[in-house]
C-alpha atoms as a PDB file:
ATOM      1  CA  LYS A   1      29.029  -5.390  21.914  1.00  0.00           C
ATOM      2  CA  ASP A   2      26.395  -8.014  22.750  1.00  0.00           C
ATOM      3  CA  ILE A   3      23.172  -6.079  23.327  1.00  0.00           C
ATOM      4  CA  PHE A   4      21.553  -9.191  24.806  1.00  0.00           C
ATOM      5  CA  ALA A   5      24.280  -9.868  27.365  1.00  0.00           C
ATOM      6  CA  GLY A   6      22.759 -10.464  30.803  1.00  0.00           C
ATOM      7  CA  VAL A   7      19.149 -10.323  29.612  1.00  0.00           C
ATOM      8  CA  ALA A   8      18.299 -13.838  30.793  1.00  0.00           C
ATOM      9  CA  GLU A   9      20.239 -13.772  34.075  1.00  0.00           C
ATOM     10  CA  ASN A  10      17.295 -12.846  36.290  1.00  0.00           C
ATOM     11  CA  ILE A  11      14.657 -15.036  34.636  1.00  0.00           C
ATOM     12  CA  ASP A  12      13.184 -17.670  36.924  1.00  0.00           C
ATOM     13  CA  ASP A  13      13.150 -20.860  34.839  1.00  0.00           C
ATOM     14  CA  ALA A  14      10.319 -22.302  36.932  1.00  0.00           C
ATOM     15  CA  VAL A  15       8.125 -19.397  35.806  1.00  0.00           C
ATOM     16  CA  LEU A  16       9.383 -19.147  32.236  1.00  0.00           C
ATOM     17  CA  SER A  17       9.303 -22.819  31.200  1.00  0.00           C
ATOM     18  CA  PRO A  18       5.532 -23.299  31.604  1.00  0.00           C
ATOM     19  CA  LEU A  19       4.914 -20.043  29.714  1.00  0.00           C
ATOM     20  CA  VAL A  20       7.133 -21.162  26.834  1.00  0.00           C
ATOM     21  CA  ASP A  21       5.435 -24.582  26.793  1.00  0.00           C
ATOM     22  CA  GLN A  22       1.972 -22.956  26.684  1.00  0.00           C
ATOM     23  CA  ALA A  23       3.025 -20.536  23.930  1.00  0.00           C
ATOM     24  CA  THR A  24       4.484 -23.437  21.933  1.00  0.00           C
ATOM     25  CA  LYS A  25       1.224 -25.417  22.246  1.00  0.00           C
ATOM     26  CA  GLU A  26      -0.872 -22.406  21.180  1.00  0.00           C
ATOM     27  CA  PHE A  27       1.440 -21.705  18.250  1.00  0.00           C
ATOM     28  CA  ASP A  28       1.351 -25.344  17.120  1.00  0.00           C
ATOM     29  CA  GLY A  29      -2.456 -25.272  17.366  1.00  0.00           C
ATOM     30  CA  MET A  30      -2.678 -22.161  15.199  1.00  0.00           C
ATOM     31  CA  ILE A  31      -0.306 -23.633  12.629  1.00  0.00           C
ATOM     32  CA  SER A  32      -2.226 -26.918  12.382  1.00  0.00           C
ATOM     33  CA  ALA A  33      -5.485 -24.973  11.924  1.00  0.00           C
ATOM     34  CA  GLN A  34      -4.114 -23.446   8.715  1.00  0.00           C
ATOM     35  CA  SER A  35      -4.170 -24.913   5.260  1.00  0.00           C
ATOM     36  CA  ASN A  36      -2.603 -23.822   2.027  1.00  0.00           C
ATOM     37  CA  ARG A  37      -3.414 -24.962  -1.450  1.00  0.00           C
ATOM     38  CA  ALA A  38      -1.950 -23.677  -4.699  1.00  0.00           C
ATOM     39  CA  GLN A  39      -4.019 -23.463  -7.843  1.00  0.00           C
ATOM     40  CA  SER A  40      -2.201 -23.198 -11.153  1.00  0.00           C
ATOM     41  CA  PHE A  41      -4.117 -21.056 -13.635  1.00  0.00           C
ATOM     42  CA  GLN A  42      -3.428 -21.952 -17.273  1.00  0.00           C
ATOM     43  CA  GLY A  43      -6.185 -19.916 -18.958  1.00  0.00           C
ATOM     44  CA  TYR A  44      -3.890 -17.095 -20.087  1.00  0.00           C
ATOM     45  CA  GLY A  45      -0.691 -15.394 -19.032  1.00  0.00           C
ATOM     46  CA  SER A  46       1.106 -12.076 -18.948  1.00  0.00           C
ATOM     47  CA  ASP A  47       1.299 -11.786 -22.743  1.00  0.00           C
ATOM     48  CA  PHE A  48      -2.492 -11.764 -23.013  1.00  0.00           C
ATOM     49  CA  ILE A  49      -2.770  -9.258 -20.145  1.00  0.00           C
ATOM     50  CA  LYS A  50      -0.216  -6.942 -21.785  1.00  0.00           C
ATOM     51  CA  LYS A  51      -1.957  -7.204 -25.174  1.00  0.00           C
ATOM     52  CA  ALA A  52      -5.197  -6.226 -23.426  1.00  0.00           C
ATOM     53  CA  GLY A  53      -3.425  -3.042 -22.256  1.00  0.00           C
ATOM     54  CA  HIS A  54      -2.853  -3.837 -18.602  1.00  0.00           C
ATOM     55  CA  SER A  55       0.172  -4.189 -16.385  1.00  0.00           C
ATOM     56  CA  PRO A  56       0.267  -7.868 -15.305  1.00  0.00           C
ATOM     57  CA  ASP A  57       0.998  -6.844 -11.709  1.00  0.00           C
ATOM     58  CA  ALA A  58      -1.863  -4.342 -11.638  1.00  0.00           C
ATOM     59  CA  PHE A  59      -4.197  -6.872 -13.280  1.00  0.00           C
ATOM     60  CA  VAL A  60      -3.450  -9.464 -10.586  1.00  0.00           C
ATOM     61  CA  GLN A  61      -3.808  -6.830  -7.855  1.00  0.00           C
ATOM     62  CA  MET A  62      -7.280  -5.943  -9.193  1.00  0.00           C
ATOM     63  CA  ALA A  63      -8.172  -9.647  -9.313  1.00  0.00           C
ATOM     64  CA  MET A  64      -7.192  -9.891  -5.637  1.00  0.00           C
ATOM     65  CA  GLN A  65      -9.212  -6.763  -4.847  1.00  0.00           C
ATOM     66  CA  LEU A  66     -12.267  -8.267  -6.535  1.00  0.00           C
ATOM     67  CA  ALA A  67     -11.766 -11.597  -4.757  1.00  0.00           C
ATOM     68  CA  THR A  68     -11.476  -9.974  -1.320  1.00  0.00           C
ATOM     69  CA  TYR A  69     -14.470  -7.732  -2.074  1.00  0.00           C
ATOM     70  CA  ARG A  70     -16.531 -10.770  -2.922  1.00  0.00           C
ATOM     71  CA  LEU A  71     -15.233 -12.668   0.093  1.00  0.00           C
ATOM     72  CA  PHE A  72     -15.587  -9.934   2.749  1.00  0.00           C
ATOM     73  CA  GLY A  73     -18.176  -7.606   1.203  1.00  0.00           C
ATOM     74  CA  GLU A  74     -15.719  -4.711   1.166  1.00  0.00           C
ATOM     75  CA  GLN A  75     -12.280  -3.876  -0.105  1.00  0.00           C
ATOM     76  CA  VAL A  76      -9.501  -4.689   2.305  1.00  0.00           C
ATOM     77  CA  GLY A  77      -6.094  -3.080   2.453  1.00  0.00           C
ATOM     78  CA  THR A  78      -3.386  -5.063   0.758  1.00  0.00           C
ATOM     79  CA  TYR A  79       0.344  -4.524   0.938  1.00  0.00           C
ATOM     80  CA  GLU A  80       2.675  -4.761  -2.016  1.00  0.00           C
ATOM     81  CA  ALA A  81       6.356  -3.990  -1.569  1.00  0.00           C
ATOM     82  CA  THR A  82       7.848  -1.868  -4.323  1.00  0.00           C
ATOM     83  CA  GLN A  83      11.605  -1.653  -4.710  1.00  0.00           C
ATOM     84  CA  VAL A  84      13.142   1.783  -4.610  1.00  0.00           C
ATOM     85  CA  ARG A  85      16.313   1.290  -6.625  1.00  0.00           C
ATOM     86  CA  PRO A  86      17.787   4.820  -6.687  1.00  0.00           C
ATOM     87  CA  PHE A  87      18.929   4.456  -3.071  1.00  0.00           C
ATOM     88  CA  LEU A  88      22.217   2.887  -2.045  1.00  0.00           C
ATOM     89  CA  HIS A  89      21.497  -0.632  -0.711  1.00  0.00           C
ATOM     90  CA  GLY A  90      17.888  -0.179  -1.879  1.00  0.00           C
ATOM     91  CA  ARG A  91      14.767  -0.094   0.215  1.00  0.00           C
ATOM     92  CA  THR A  92      11.087  -0.604  -0.354  1.00  0.00           C
ATOM     93  CA  GLU A  93       8.030   1.574  -0.452  1.00  0.00           C
ATOM     94  CA  THR A  94       4.471   0.398  -0.016  1.00  0.00           C
ATOM     95  CA  THR A  95       2.057   0.222  -2.914  1.00  0.00           C
ATOM     96  CA  ARG A  96      -1.604   0.054  -1.944  1.00  0.00           C
ATOM     97  CA  ALA A  97      -4.089  -1.524  -4.342  1.00  0.00           C
ATOM     98  CA  VAL A  98      -7.142   0.151  -2.824  1.00  0.00           C
ATOM     99  CA  SER A  99      -7.983   3.297  -4.772  1.00  0.00           C
ATOM    100  CA  THR A 100     -11.063   5.137  -5.951  1.00  0.00           C
ATOM    101  CA  GLN A 101     -10.530   3.466  -9.325  1.00  0.00           C
ATOM    102  CA  SER A 102     -10.285  -0.058  -7.872  1.00  0.00           C
ATOM    103  CA  GLU A 103     -13.356   0.654  -5.759  1.00  0.00           C
ATOM    104  CA  ALA A 104     -15.342   1.673  -8.849  1.00  0.00           C
ATOM    105  CA  PHE A 105     -14.189  -1.497 -10.619  1.00  0.00           C
ATOM    106  CA  VAL A 106     -15.045  -3.966  -7.833  1.00  0.00           C
ATOM    107  CA  LYS A 107     -18.414  -2.332  -7.188  1.00  0.00           C
ATOM    108  CA  ALA A 108     -19.282  -2.527 -10.885  1.00  0.00           C
ATOM    109  CA  MET A 109     -18.326  -6.211 -10.874  1.00  0.00           C
ATOM    110  CA  GLY A 110     -20.567  -6.738  -7.856  1.00  0.00           C
ATOM    111  CA  PRO A 111     -20.454  -8.975  -4.784  1.00  0.00           C
ATOM    112  CA  ARG A 112     -21.295 -12.017  -6.957  1.00  0.00           C
ATOM    113  CA  PRO A 113     -20.699 -12.842 -10.607  1.00  0.00           C
ATOM    114  CA  GLN A 114     -23.438 -11.294 -12.736  1.00  0.00           C
ATOM    115  CA  LYS A 115     -25.058 -12.593 -15.888  1.00  0.00           C
ATOM    116  CA  ASP A 116     -24.457  -9.403 -17.867  1.00  0.00           C
ATOM    117  CA  GLN A 117     -21.329 -10.436 -19.780  1.00  0.00           C
ATOM    118  CA  THR A 118     -23.340 -10.597 -23.014  1.00  0.00           C
ATOM    119  CA  ASP A 119     -24.541  -6.992 -22.639  1.00  0.00           C
ATOM    120  CA  PRO A 120     -22.026  -5.086 -24.819  1.00  0.00           C
ATOM    121  CA  LYS A 121     -22.563  -1.748 -23.048  1.00  0.00           C
ATOM    122  CA  ARG A 122     -22.128  -3.206 -19.551  1.00  0.00           C
ATOM    123  CA  ARG A 123     -19.138  -5.305 -20.646  1.00  0.00           C
ATOM    124  CA  LYS A 124     -17.420  -2.247 -22.173  1.00  0.00           C
ATOM    125  CA  GLU A 125     -18.072  -0.257 -18.985  1.00  0.00           C
ATOM    126  CA  LYS A 126     -16.496  -2.937 -16.792  1.00  0.00           C
ATOM    127  CA  ILE A 127     -13.478  -3.269 -19.075  1.00  0.00           C
ATOM    128  CA  GLU A 128     -13.003   0.520 -18.978  1.00  0.00           C
ATOM    129  CA  LEU A 129     -13.220   0.530 -15.168  1.00  0.00           C
ATOM    130  CA  LEU A 130     -10.639  -2.272 -15.034  1.00  0.00           C
ATOM    131  CA  LYS A 131      -8.381  -0.245 -17.352  1.00  0.00           C
ATOM    132  CA  GLN A 132      -8.724   2.835 -15.124  1.00  0.00           C
ATOM    133  CA  ALA A 133      -7.975   0.761 -12.019  1.00  0.00           C
ATOM    134  CA  THR A 134      -4.909  -0.966 -13.498  1.00  0.00           C
ATOM    135  CA  THR A 135      -3.602   2.335 -14.891  1.00  0.00           C
ATOM    136  CA  ALA A 136      -3.986   4.034 -11.504  1.00  0.00           C
ATOM    137  CA  HIS A 137      -2.244   1.123  -9.783  1.00  0.00           C
ATOM    138  CA  ALA A 138       0.647   1.146 -12.262  1.00  0.00           C
ATOM    139  CA  GLN A 139       1.039   4.914 -11.791  1.00  0.00           C
ATOM    140  CA  TYR A 140       1.038   4.563  -7.989  1.00  0.00           C
ATOM    141  CA  THR A 141       3.621   1.763  -8.240  1.00  0.00           C
ATOM    142  CA  SER A 142       5.796   3.959 -10.455  1.00  0.00           C
ATOM    143  CA  THR A 143       5.515   6.825  -7.985  1.00  0.00           C
ATOM    144  CA  ALA A 144       6.444   4.526  -5.109  1.00  0.00           C
ATOM    145  CA  ALA A 145       9.428   3.154  -7.053  1.00  0.00           C
ATOM    146  CA  GLN A 146      10.701   6.727  -7.406  1.00  0.00           C
ATOM    147  CA  ALA A 147      10.647   7.089  -3.590  1.00  0.00           C
ATOM    148  CA  ALA A 148       7.631   9.397  -3.779  1.00  0.00           C
ATOM    149  CA  GLY A 149       5.207   7.120  -1.899  1.00  0.00           C
ATOM    150  CA  VAL A 150       3.592   8.163   1.364  1.00  0.00           C
ATOM    151  CA  ASP A 151       3.446   5.014   3.528  1.00  0.00           C
ATOM    152  CA  ARG A 152       7.034   5.071   4.780  1.00  0.00           C
ATOM    153  CA  HIS A 153       6.806   8.826   5.324  1.00  0.00           C
ATOM    154  CA  PHE A 154       3.666   8.478   7.433  1.00  0.00           C
ATOM    155  CA  PHE A 155       5.208   5.565   9.320  1.00  0.00           C
ATOM    156  CA  GLY A 156       8.252   7.701  10.138  1.00  0.00           C
ATOM    157  CA  LEU A 157       6.025  10.518  11.357  1.00  0.00           C
ATOM    158  CA  SER A 158       4.010   8.114  13.506  1.00  0.00           C
ATOM    159  CA  MET A 159       7.228   6.882  15.120  1.00  0.00           C
ATOM    160  CA  LEU A 160       7.964  10.447  16.249  1.00  0.00           C
ATOM    161  CA  VAL A 161       4.812  10.539  18.414  1.00  0.00           C
ATOM    162  CA  ARG A 162       5.711   9.627  21.978  1.00  0.00           C
ATOM    163  CA  ASP A 163       3.565   7.502  24.315  1.00  0.00           C
ATOM    164  CA  GLY A 164       0.766   9.634  25.739  1.00  0.00           C
ATOM    165  CA  GLU A 165       1.356  12.384  23.195  1.00  0.00           C
ATOM    166  CA  GLU A 166      -1.618  13.463  21.103  1.00  0.00           C
ATOM    167  CA  THR A 167      -1.343  12.641  17.415  1.00  0.00           C
ATOM    168  CA  PRO A 168      -1.379  15.784  15.279  1.00  0.00           C
ATOM    169  CA  ALA A 169      -4.507  16.228  13.142  1.00  0.00           C
END
């Protein structure tokens, strides 16, 4: 059955065409205002990160958390899809990089690079906070991969709330 059958029958083309043209112009304007540039980092790779005791994925997620913290002055929510393989046909769960551990790490690193890398005590502290943050992220990712994440669950619950209905506390 065609669920879209008859949808466009009552649309006045004289009204719709200018709206489509305007939307197309606005979309084209937004697209041309964007730029994208890739930077290839050759300093080290996943082998180094693993030898340092971090999950490469978690390490990169913490790098993105630090970058956004330095860019916006606060941590911002990021979305990482995690595959949930035990289910027939698969699905994904959401892994969030923002945690109390990542917050402690980015705040210790500061809003700008600091000149304390030669201070052994401060350096060790930052490395330990990075380790805690990457460990927490890897654990959360593992939990999500076992279908024990909370994002999809909360999304499903939110979909049950009808228009005008008060959201439960």
